[in-house]
Amino acid sequence: MASYSDKNHDESENFTEQVGDSASVSSVTSHHRLLMSSSSEISSSPSNRVRGIYKQSKQLFINRQFAESYSIILPLVTADSSLYNAVNNDSTLHDLVWQLYLALLDGILNLPSSELRSAFSKMEIKHIRGLLEDFAVWTQASATRKSMTAMEPEMILTLASVCSRHTLNHEEVRARVEDYFLVTRSLAHSQQAIYNKLIEFYVLFILPACNKWEEAHKAVDSSPEFDDKQKRDMSDKLIHLLQSTNELQEQKAKAAASKKNESSRKKKNQSIKSRESSNRDTSPPKQEKACPDNKPAERASQPGQFGLLSRMPNLWRTVLQASKQPAVLIRLLESFMLVLALLLALGVSENRKRIGLMVLEFLQRVRRTVLMAIRVKYV
């Protein structure tokens, strides 16, 4: 959900500022001076060596040289390293190193893809992404302490916020935080303010990410760590967050529906175009009889089949106009029936012969009448 993800990102930036303190970006000369000063500590105690490595990694992290910072701090969090026990034996060093390590992992995965691919190999990127997506770094951090109660709430808060930004399994984040609450909720904490902040993060980010809105409101009401004003503020934030989430889901649903309709419309248009193209390809070509150029009059005097078809639109237009006048329409229908009767009569061979004889007899009578008139005139 965009609303609580943005807020998580803001907390990540605040945390990064805390890790970096207020130090400024150093120049190349100061970086070399830092390496030279740390080299004198290599021969000292393991604790001093850890501090020297931590300072180098921290300075490179501030300069956004993530690849170099990662390679330097890695021995401090690797179990088979000689400095691993020195880190775990000092609680202050442990918290500093692991806070920097988690901030570094988060910063690496937030790099633009081009910078990420140029700074790390594919195997390294896959390994770093798996540390957060599969909660391997959480398990790794828990192994540095004898029990869950020995882990500071600030470490749990950082683990929860960083893993929440890079995993889709928010239920696992919820389960791990609730396990921590189960064994530490009744204990007194030296970092009570941080512990309260962890509870707030659980209520305002982890439970909404799991779509547990009712449980979030119940957790607010049942938290003895907060007074009435703080509970009202948290409840108001939950209500606002739920409204923002619903609006975002509606916008996504509308966008998805619009995209689906547009895709359906394009498919329909393509189907129509392909059907029209197929009809044009399968239709027989028009064949016209060749007519000599020296006989234009003969060709014009024989309109033929295509000439009749070309007049069909005019005929239908006449019929449609005549339909507005019943008397004219009746005459047209009578004429049509008469023509149809003649065509049917001509379709029988005997009728054609009989009509032919009648026409010949009619023509002979006309001929005899004309001859008789001519004779009478000359007599």
Foldseek 3Di string as FASTA:
>chain_A
DVVLLVVLVVVLVVLLCVLLPPDDQDDPVVLVVLVVVLVVCVPPDLLSNLVSLLVNLSNCVNVVVLLVSCVSLVLCLDPPHPSVVVCLVDVVSVVSSVSSNLSSLLSLVPDPPVVNVVSDPPVVVVVSLCCQAVVVVVVSSCVSDPDLQPDALVSLQSSLSSSVNRYLPLVVNLVVLVVSCVPPVPDDHPPLVSVVVSLLCCLLPSCVSVVNLVVSLVSLVPDPSDDPVVSVVSNVSSVVVVVVVVVVVVVVVVVVVVVVVVVVVVVVVVVVVVVVVVVVVPDDDDDDDDDDPVPPVVCVVDCPDVNVVVCVVVVVVVQVVCVVPVVSNVVVVVVVVVVVVVVVQCVDPVSVVVVVVVVVVVVVVVVVVVVVVVVVVVD
